[in-house]
Amino acid sequence: MLPRERLVPEDARQYRHTVEGPDDMTSHIRTALTNAQLSIPIHEGQLALGTWQGIFLFEHRRVPHRRSIVLHLLAE
């Protein structure tokens, strides 16, 4: 069992909101528990990430959906 399924089990009997499928409400709950946005400094044209830091994009739904990423760049 994946950690996300232990924390938010995919059991449609537990949720009322299942309009888009049995993983509909669980994906909403999982999104609320994770970051949906982040701020990353840029130094000399490179992402200023620490040694052990990385950026990961993952899907909370069982069936992948088409997603978009929006970048908002602020510069001095």
PDB file of N, CA and C in Angstrom:
ATOM      1  N   MET A   1       0.844  -1.184   0.000  1.00  0.00           N
ATOM      2  CA  MET A   1       0.000   0.000   0.000  1.00  0.00           C
ATOM      3  C   MET A   1       0.888   1.246   0.000  1.00  0.00           C
ATOM      4  N   LEU A   2       0.595   2.166  -0.888  1.00  0.00           N
ATOM      5  CA  LEU A   2       1.359   3.408  -0.959  1.00  0.00           C
ATOM      6  C   LEU A   2       1.047   4.293   0.236  1.00  0.00           C
ATOM      7  N   PRO A   3       2.015   5.128   0.666  1.00  0.00           N
ATOM      8  CA  PRO A   3       1.775   6.026   1.812  1.00  0.00           C
ATOM      9  C   PRO A   3       0.538   6.892   1.632  1.00  0.00           C
ATOM     10  N   ARG A   4       0.288   7.386   0.404  1.00  0.00           N
ATOM     11  CA  ARG A   4      -0.888   8.234   0.183  1.00  0.00           C
ATOM     12  C   ARG A   4      -2.175   7.461   0.418  1.00  0.00           C
ATOM     13  N   GLU A   5      -2.184   6.164   0.139  1.00  0.00           N
ATOM     14  CA  GLU A   5      -3.383   5.351   0.349  1.00  0.00           C
ATOM     15  C   GLU A   5      -3.592   5.025   1.826  1.00  0.00           C
ATOM     16  N   ARG A   6      -2.508   4.996   2.606  1.00  0.00           N
ATOM     17  CA  ARG A   6      -2.662   4.807   4.055  1.00  0.00           C
ATOM     18  C   ARG A   6      -3.255   6.059   4.695  1.00  0.00           C
ATOM     19  N   LEU A   7      -2.791   7.219   4.246  1.00  0.00           N
ATOM     20  CA  LEU A   7      -3.242   8.486   4.814  1.00  0.00           C
ATOM     21  C   LEU A   7      -4.654   8.848   4.348  1.00  0.00           C
ATOM     22  N   VAL A   8      -4.915   8.688   3.052  1.00  0.00           N
ATOM     23  CA  VAL A   8      -6.226   9.007   2.479  1.00  0.00           C
ATOM     24  C   VAL A   8      -6.653   7.811   1.611  1.00  0.00           C
ATOM     25  N   PRO A   9      -7.334   6.829   2.218  1.00  0.00           N
ATOM     26  CA  PRO A   9      -7.701   5.627   1.473  1.00  0.00           C
ATOM     27  C   PRO A   9      -8.685   5.912   0.344  1.00  0.00           C
ATOM     28  N   GLU A  10      -8.519   5.200  -0.756  1.00  0.00           N
ATOM     29  CA  GLU A  10      -9.439   5.331  -1.882  1.00  0.00           C
ATOM     30  C   GLU A  10     -10.599   4.358  -1.687  1.00  0.00           C
ATOM     31  N   ASP A  11     -11.564   4.789  -0.929  1.00  0.00           N
ATOM     32  CA  ASP A  11     -12.767   3.998  -0.676  1.00  0.00           C
ATOM     33  C   ASP A  11     -13.957   4.929  -0.878  1.00  0.00           C
ATOM     34  N   ALA A  12     -14.589   4.832  -2.055  1.00  0.00           N
ATOM     35  CA  ALA A  12     -15.666   5.759  -2.427  1.00  0.00           C
ATOM     36  C   ALA A  12     -16.821   5.751  -1.432  1.00  0.00           C
ATOM     37  N   ARG A  13     -16.952   4.696  -0.650  1.00  0.00           N
ATOM     38  CA  ARG A  13     -18.035   4.646   0.342  1.00  0.00           C
ATOM     39  C   ARG A  13     -17.833   5.674   1.445  1.00  0.00           C
ATOM     40  N   GLN A  14     -16.601   6.161   1.623  1.00  0.00           N
ATOM     41  CA  GLN A  14     -16.303   7.128   2.682  1.00  0.00           C
ATOM     42  C   GLN A  14     -16.569   8.569   2.265  1.00  0.00           C
ATOM     43  N   TYR A  15     -16.799   8.822   0.975  1.00  0.00           N
ATOM     44  CA  TYR A  15     -16.889  10.184   0.472  1.00  0.00           C
ATOM     45  C   TYR A  15     -18.170  10.396  -0.325  1.00  0.00           C
ATOM     46  N   ARG A  16     -18.694  11.608  -0.260  1.00  0.00           N
ATOM     47  CA  ARG A  16     -19.865  11.956  -1.052  1.00  0.00           C
ATOM     48  C   ARG A  16     -19.488  12.489  -2.428  1.00  0.00           C
ATOM     49  N   HIS A  17     -18.372  13.170  -2.508  1.00  0.00           N
ATOM     50  CA  HIS A  17     -17.950  13.816  -3.754  1.00  0.00           C
ATOM     51  C   HIS A  17     -17.170  12.831  -4.613  1.00  0.00           C
ATOM     52  N   THR A  18     -17.849  12.184  -5.548  1.00  0.00           N
ATOM     53  CA  THR A  18     -17.210  11.214  -6.440  1.00  0.00           C
ATOM     54  C   THR A  18     -17.645  11.462  -7.884  1.00  0.00           C
ATOM     55  N   VAL A  19     -17.948  12.716  -8.238  1.00  0.00           N
ATOM     56  CA  VAL A  19     -18.477  13.079  -9.547  1.00  0.00           C
ATOM     57  C   VAL A  19     -17.563  12.614 -10.680  1.00  0.00           C
ATOM     58  N   GLU A  20     -16.250  12.759 -10.512  1.00  0.00           N
ATOM     59  CA  GLU A  20     -15.310  12.431 -11.587  1.00  0.00           C
ATOM     60  C   GLU A  20     -14.673  11.055 -11.413  1.00  0.00           C
ATOM     61  N   GLY A  21     -15.191  10.257 -10.524  1.00  0.00           N
ATOM     62  CA  GLY A  21     -14.655   8.914 -10.337  1.00  0.00           C
ATOM     63  C   GLY A  21     -14.351   8.626  -8.881  1.00  0.00           C
ATOM     64  N   PRO A  22     -14.000   7.384  -8.578  1.00  0.00           N
ATOM     65  CA  PRO A  22     -13.771   6.984  -7.185  1.00  0.00           C
ATOM     66  C   PRO A  22     -12.567   7.660  -6.531  1.00  0.00           C
ATOM     67  N   ASP A  23     -11.650   8.216  -7.335  1.00  0.00           N
ATOM     68  CA  ASP A  23     -10.483   8.885  -6.762  1.00  0.00           C
ATOM     69  C   ASP A  23     -10.667  10.407  -6.717  1.00  0.00           C
ATOM     70  N   ASP A  24     -11.878  10.887  -6.958  1.00  0.00           N
ATOM     71  CA  ASP A  24     -12.132  12.328  -7.035  1.00  0.00           C
ATOM     72  C   ASP A  24     -11.900  13.028  -5.695  1.00  0.00           C
ATOM     73  N   MET A  25     -12.587  12.619  -4.662  1.00  0.00           N
ATOM     74  CA  MET A  25     -12.454  13.291  -3.365  1.00  0.00           C
ATOM     75  C   MET A  25     -11.086  13.035  -2.742  1.00  0.00           C
ATOM     76  N   THR A  26     -10.581  11.827  -2.905  1.00  0.00           N
ATOM     77  CA  THR A  26      -9.261  11.537  -2.337  1.00  0.00           C
ATOM     78  C   THR A  26      -8.191  12.431  -2.949  1.00  0.00           C
ATOM     79  N   SER A  27      -8.292  12.725  -4.245  1.00  0.00           N
ATOM     80  CA  SER A  27      -7.297  13.591  -4.872  1.00  0.00           C
ATOM     81  C   SER A  27      -7.401  15.015  -4.336  1.00  0.00           C
ATOM     82  N   HIS A  28      -8.611  15.474  -4.033  1.00  0.00           N
ATOM     83  CA  HIS A  28      -8.779  16.806  -3.440  1.00  0.00           C
ATOM     84  C   HIS A  28      -8.147  16.872  -2.050  1.00  0.00           C
ATOM     85  N   ILE A  29      -8.369  15.852  -1.256  1.00  0.00           N
ATOM     86  CA  ILE A  29      -7.799  15.808   0.106  1.00  0.00           C
ATOM     87  C   ILE A  29      -6.280  15.757   0.029  1.00  0.00           C
ATOM     88  N   ARG A  30      -5.738  14.926  -0.846  1.00  0.00           N
ATOM     89  CA  ARG A  30      -4.280  14.804  -0.978  1.00  0.00           C
ATOM     90  C   ARG A  30      -3.654  16.109  -1.446  1.00  0.00           C
ATOM     91  N   THR A  31      -4.338  16.824  -2.333  1.00  0.00           N
ATOM     92  CA  THR A  31      -3.831  18.117  -2.785  1.00  0.00           C
ATOM     93  C   THR A  31      -3.786  19.115  -1.642  1.00  0.00           C
ATOM     94  N   ALA A  32      -4.806  19.089  -0.783  1.00  0.00           N
ATOM     95  CA  ALA A  32      -4.833  19.996   0.365  1.00  0.00           C
ATOM     96  C   ALA A  32      -3.704  19.698   1.348  1.00  0.00           C
ATOM     97  N   LEU A  33      -3.226  18.458   1.376  1.00  0.00           N
ATOM     98  CA  LEU A  33      -2.168  18.055   2.300  1.00  0.00           C
ATOM     99  C   LEU A  33      -0.760  18.264   1.745  1.00  0.00           C
ATOM    100  N   THR A  34      -0.661  18.595   0.469  1.00  0.00           N
ATOM    101  CA  THR A  34       0.644  18.829  -0.153  1.00  0.00           C
ATOM    102  C   THR A  34       0.706  20.255  -0.694  1.00  0.00           C
ATOM    103  N   ASN A  35       1.885  20.697  -1.051  1.00  0.00           N
ATOM    104  CA  ASN A  35       2.041  22.042  -1.614  1.00  0.00           C
ATOM    105  C   ASN A  35       1.572  22.066  -3.059  1.00  0.00           C
ATOM    106  N   ALA A  36       0.792  23.080  -3.398  1.00  0.00           N
ATOM    107  CA  ALA A  36       0.348  23.249  -4.778  1.00  0.00           C
ATOM    108  C   ALA A  36       1.134  24.358  -5.468  1.00  0.00           C
ATOM    109  N   GLN A  37       2.016  25.019  -4.730  1.00  0.00           N
ATOM    110  CA  GLN A  37       2.851  26.062  -5.309  1.00  0.00           C
ATOM    111  C   GLN A  37       4.149  26.146  -4.521  1.00  0.00           C
ATOM    112  N   LEU A  38       5.179  26.695  -5.141  1.00  0.00           N
ATOM    113  CA  LEU A  38       6.419  26.914  -4.415  1.00  0.00           C
ATOM    114  C   LEU A  38       7.167  28.100  -4.988  1.00  0.00           C
ATOM    115  N   SER A  39       7.995  28.654  -4.156  1.00  0.00           N
ATOM    116  CA  SER A  39       8.848  29.778  -4.549  1.00  0.00           C
ATOM    117  C   SER A  39      10.294  29.310  -4.502  1.00  0.00           C
ATOM    118  N   ILE A  40      11.019  29.548  -5.584  1.00  0.00           N
ATOM    119  CA  ILE A  40      12.412  29.113  -5.668  1.00  0.00           C
ATOM    120  C   ILE A  40      13.254  30.306  -6.103  1.00  0.00           C
ATOM    121  N   PRO A  41      14.253  30.660  -5.326  1.00  0.00           N
ATOM    122  CA  PRO A  41      15.130  31.751  -5.759  1.00  0.00           C
ATOM    123  C   PRO A  41      15.992  31.313  -6.941  1.00  0.00           C
ATOM    124  N   ILE A  42      16.335  32.276  -7.762  1.00  0.00           N
ATOM    125  CA  ILE A  42      17.241  32.032  -8.893  1.00  0.00           C
ATOM    126  C   ILE A  42      18.484  32.870  -8.664  1.00  0.00           C
ATOM    127  N   HIS A  43      19.641  32.224  -8.754  1.00  0.00           N
ATOM    128  CA  HIS A  43      20.916  32.905  -8.545  1.00  0.00           C
ATOM    129  C   HIS A  43      21.781  32.683  -9.777  1.00  0.00           C
ATOM    130  N   GLU A  44      22.190  33.780 -10.406  1.00  0.00           N
ATOM    131  CA  GLU A  44      23.015  33.733 -11.615  1.00  0.00           C
ATOM    132  C   GLU A  44      22.411  32.813 -12.680  1.00  0.00           C
ATOM    133  N   GLY A  45      21.092  32.912 -12.869  1.00  0.00           N
ATOM    134  CA  GLY A  45      20.405  32.158 -13.908  1.00  0.00           C
ATOM    135  C   GLY A  45      20.115  30.703 -13.597  1.00  0.00           C
ATOM    136  N   GLN A  46      20.413  30.253 -12.373  1.00  0.00           N
ATOM    137  CA  GLN A  46      20.193  28.858 -11.976  1.00  0.00           C
ATOM    138  C   GLN A  46      19.244  28.791 -10.786  1.00  0.00           C
ATOM    139  N   LEU A  47      18.471  27.711 -10.709  1.00  0.00           N
ATOM    140  CA  LEU A  47      17.639  27.501  -9.528  1.00  0.00           C
ATOM    141  C   LEU A  47      18.539  27.349  -8.313  1.00  0.00           C
ATOM    142  N   ALA A  48      18.243  28.084  -7.257  1.00  0.00           N
ATOM    143  CA  ALA A  48      19.064  28.029  -6.042  1.00  0.00           C
ATOM    144  C   ALA A  48      18.482  26.989  -5.091  1.00  0.00           C
ATOM    145  N   LEU A  49      18.705  25.724  -5.434  1.00  0.00           N
ATOM    146  CA  LEU A  49      18.246  24.614  -4.607  1.00  0.00           C
ATOM    147  C   LEU A  49      19.401  24.107  -3.756  1.00  0.00           C
ATOM    148  N   GLY A  50      19.072  23.606  -2.592  1.00  0.00           N
ATOM    149  CA  GLY A  50      20.091  23.024  -1.729  1.00  0.00           C
ATOM    150  C   GLY A  50      20.564  21.682  -2.269  1.00  0.00           C
ATOM    151  N   THR A  51      21.582  21.148  -1.644  1.00  0.00           N
ATOM    152  CA  THR A  51      22.188  19.890  -2.086  1.00  0.00           C
ATOM    153  C   THR A  51      21.170  18.768  -2.227  1.00  0.00           C
ATOM    154  N   TRP A  52      20.274  18.635  -1.271  1.00  0.00           N
ATOM    155  CA  TRP A  52      19.329  17.520  -1.255  1.00  0.00           C
ATOM    156  C   TRP A  52      17.930  17.934  -1.708  1.00  0.00           C
ATOM    157  N   GLN A  53      17.798  19.112  -2.272  1.00  0.00           N
ATOM    158  CA  GLN A  53      16.482  19.584  -2.701  1.00  0.00           C
ATOM    159  C   GLN A  53      16.233  19.272  -4.167  1.00  0.00           C
ATOM    160  N   GLY A  54      14.989  19.099  -4.513  1.00  0.00           N
ATOM    161  CA  GLY A  54      14.581  18.868  -5.889  1.00  0.00           C
ATOM    162  C   GLY A  54      13.137  19.293  -6.060  1.00  0.00           C
ATOM    163  N   ILE A  55      12.681  19.305  -7.273  1.00  0.00           N
ATOM    164  CA  ILE A  55      11.297  19.650  -7.582  1.00  0.00           C
ATOM    165  C   ILE A  55      10.644  18.414  -8.183  1.00  0.00           C
ATOM    166  N   PHE A  56       9.514  18.035  -7.636  1.00  0.00           N
ATOM    167  CA  PHE A  56       8.801  16.856  -8.105  1.00  0.00           C
ATOM    168  C   PHE A  56       7.366  17.225  -8.439  1.00  0.00           C
ATOM    169  N   LEU A  57       6.875  16.723  -9.531  1.00  0.00           N
ATOM    170  CA  LEU A  57       5.491  16.890  -9.935  1.00  0.00           C
ATOM    171  C   LEU A  57       4.862  15.506  -9.911  1.00  0.00           C
ATOM    172  N   PHE A  58       3.768  15.369  -9.184  1.00  0.00           N
ATOM    173  CA  PHE A  58       3.122  14.063  -9.140  1.00  0.00           C
ATOM    174  C   PHE A  58       1.621  14.226  -9.216  1.00  0.00           C
ATOM    175  N   GLU A  59       0.959  13.164  -9.607  1.00  0.00           N
ATOM    176  CA  GLU A  59      -0.484  13.151  -9.821  1.00  0.00           C
ATOM    177  C   GLU A  59      -1.147  12.406  -8.675  1.00  0.00           C
ATOM    178  N   HIS A  60      -2.201  12.984  -8.129  1.00  0.00           N
ATOM    179  CA  HIS A  60      -2.952  12.335  -7.051  1.00  0.00           C
ATOM    180  C   HIS A  60      -4.028  11.401  -7.584  1.00  0.00           C
ATOM    181  N   ARG A  61      -4.310  11.495  -8.874  1.00  0.00           N
ATOM    182  CA  ARG A  61      -5.356  10.660  -9.461  1.00  0.00           C
ATOM    183  C   ARG A  61      -4.753   9.350  -9.960  1.00  0.00           C
ATOM    184  N   ARG A  62      -5.563   8.313 -10.040  1.00  0.00           N
ATOM    185  CA  ARG A  62      -5.089   7.042 -10.592  1.00  0.00           C
ATOM    186  C   ARG A  62      -4.821   7.154 -12.084  1.00  0.00           C
ATOM    187  N   VAL A  63      -5.710   7.843 -12.788  1.00  0.00           N
ATOM    188  CA  VAL A  63      -5.564   8.024 -14.225  1.00  0.00           C
ATOM    189  C   VAL A  63      -4.959   9.409 -14.460  1.00  0.00           C
ATOM    190  N   PRO A  64      -3.826   9.483 -15.143  1.00  0.00           N
ATOM    191  CA  PRO A  64      -3.203  10.793 -15.392  1.00  0.00           C
ATOM    192  C   PRO A  64      -4.119  11.731 -16.186  1.00  0.00           C
ATOM    193  N   HIS A  65      -4.054  12.989 -15.846  1.00  0.00           N
ATOM    194  CA  HIS A  65      -4.801  14.030 -16.549  1.00  0.00           C
ATOM    195  C   HIS A  65      -3.797  14.994 -17.171  1.00  0.00           C
ATOM    196  N   ARG A  66      -4.234  15.726 -18.169  1.00  0.00           N
ATOM    197  CA  ARG A  66      -3.386  16.746 -18.776  1.00  0.00           C
ATOM    198  C   ARG A  66      -3.278  17.903 -17.790  1.00  0.00           C
ATOM    199  N   ARG A  67      -2.080  18.317 -17.467  1.00  0.00           N
ATOM    200  CA  ARG A  67      -1.840  19.382 -16.495  1.00  0.00           C
ATOM    201  C   ARG A  67      -1.002  20.472 -17.122  1.00  0.00           C
ATOM    202  N   SER A  68      -1.073  21.659 -16.534  1.00  0.00           N
ATOM    203  CA  SER A  68      -0.268  22.798 -16.966  1.00  0.00           C
ATOM    204  C   SER A  68       0.560  23.278 -15.799  1.00  0.00           C
ATOM    205  N   ILE A  69       1.719  23.803 -16.101  1.00  0.00           N
ATOM    206  CA  ILE A  69       2.575  24.424 -15.079  1.00  0.00           C
ATOM    207  C   ILE A  69       2.676  25.891 -15.428  1.00  0.00           C
ATOM    208  N   VAL A  70       2.463  26.741 -14.437  1.00  0.00           N
ATOM    209  CA  VAL A  70       2.528  28.172 -14.649  1.00  0.00           C
ATOM    210  C   VAL A  70       3.753  28.709 -13.920  1.00  0.00           C
ATOM    211  N   LEU A  71       4.547  29.483 -14.623  1.00  0.00           N
ATOM    212  CA  LEU A  71       5.744  30.092 -14.040  1.00  0.00           C
ATOM    213  C   LEU A  71       5.506  31.596 -13.934  1.00  0.00           C
ATOM    214  N   HIS A  72       5.713  32.131 -12.750  1.00  0.00           N
ATOM    215  CA  HIS A  72       5.596  33.560 -12.526  1.00  0.00           C
ATOM    216  C   HIS A  72       6.968  34.017 -12.051  1.00  0.00           C
ATOM    217  N   LEU A  73       7.684  34.683 -12.917  1.00  0.00           N
ATOM    218  CA  LEU A  73       9.061  35.098 -12.631  1.00  0.00           C
ATOM    219  C   LEU A  73       9.096  36.567 -12.231  1.00  0.00           C
ATOM    220  N   LEU A  74       9.652  36.835 -11.075  1.00  0.00           N
ATOM    221  CA  LEU A  74       9.852  38.202 -10.588  1.00  0.00           C
ATOM    222  C   LEU A  74      11.336  38.507 -10.640  1.00  0.00           C
ATOM    223  N   ALA A  75      11.691  39.599 -11.242  1.00  0.00           N
ATOM    224  CA  ALA A  75      13.117  39.947 -11.364  1.00  0.00           C
ATOM    225  C   ALA A  75      13.362  41.376 -10.897  1.00  0.00           C
ATOM    226  N   GLU A  76      14.573  41.624 -10.491  1.00  0.00           N
ATOM    227  CA  GLU A  76      14.973  42.967 -10.074  1.00  0.00           C
ATOM    228  C   GLU A  76      15.595  43.694 -11.235  1.00  0.00           C
TER     229      GLU A  76
END
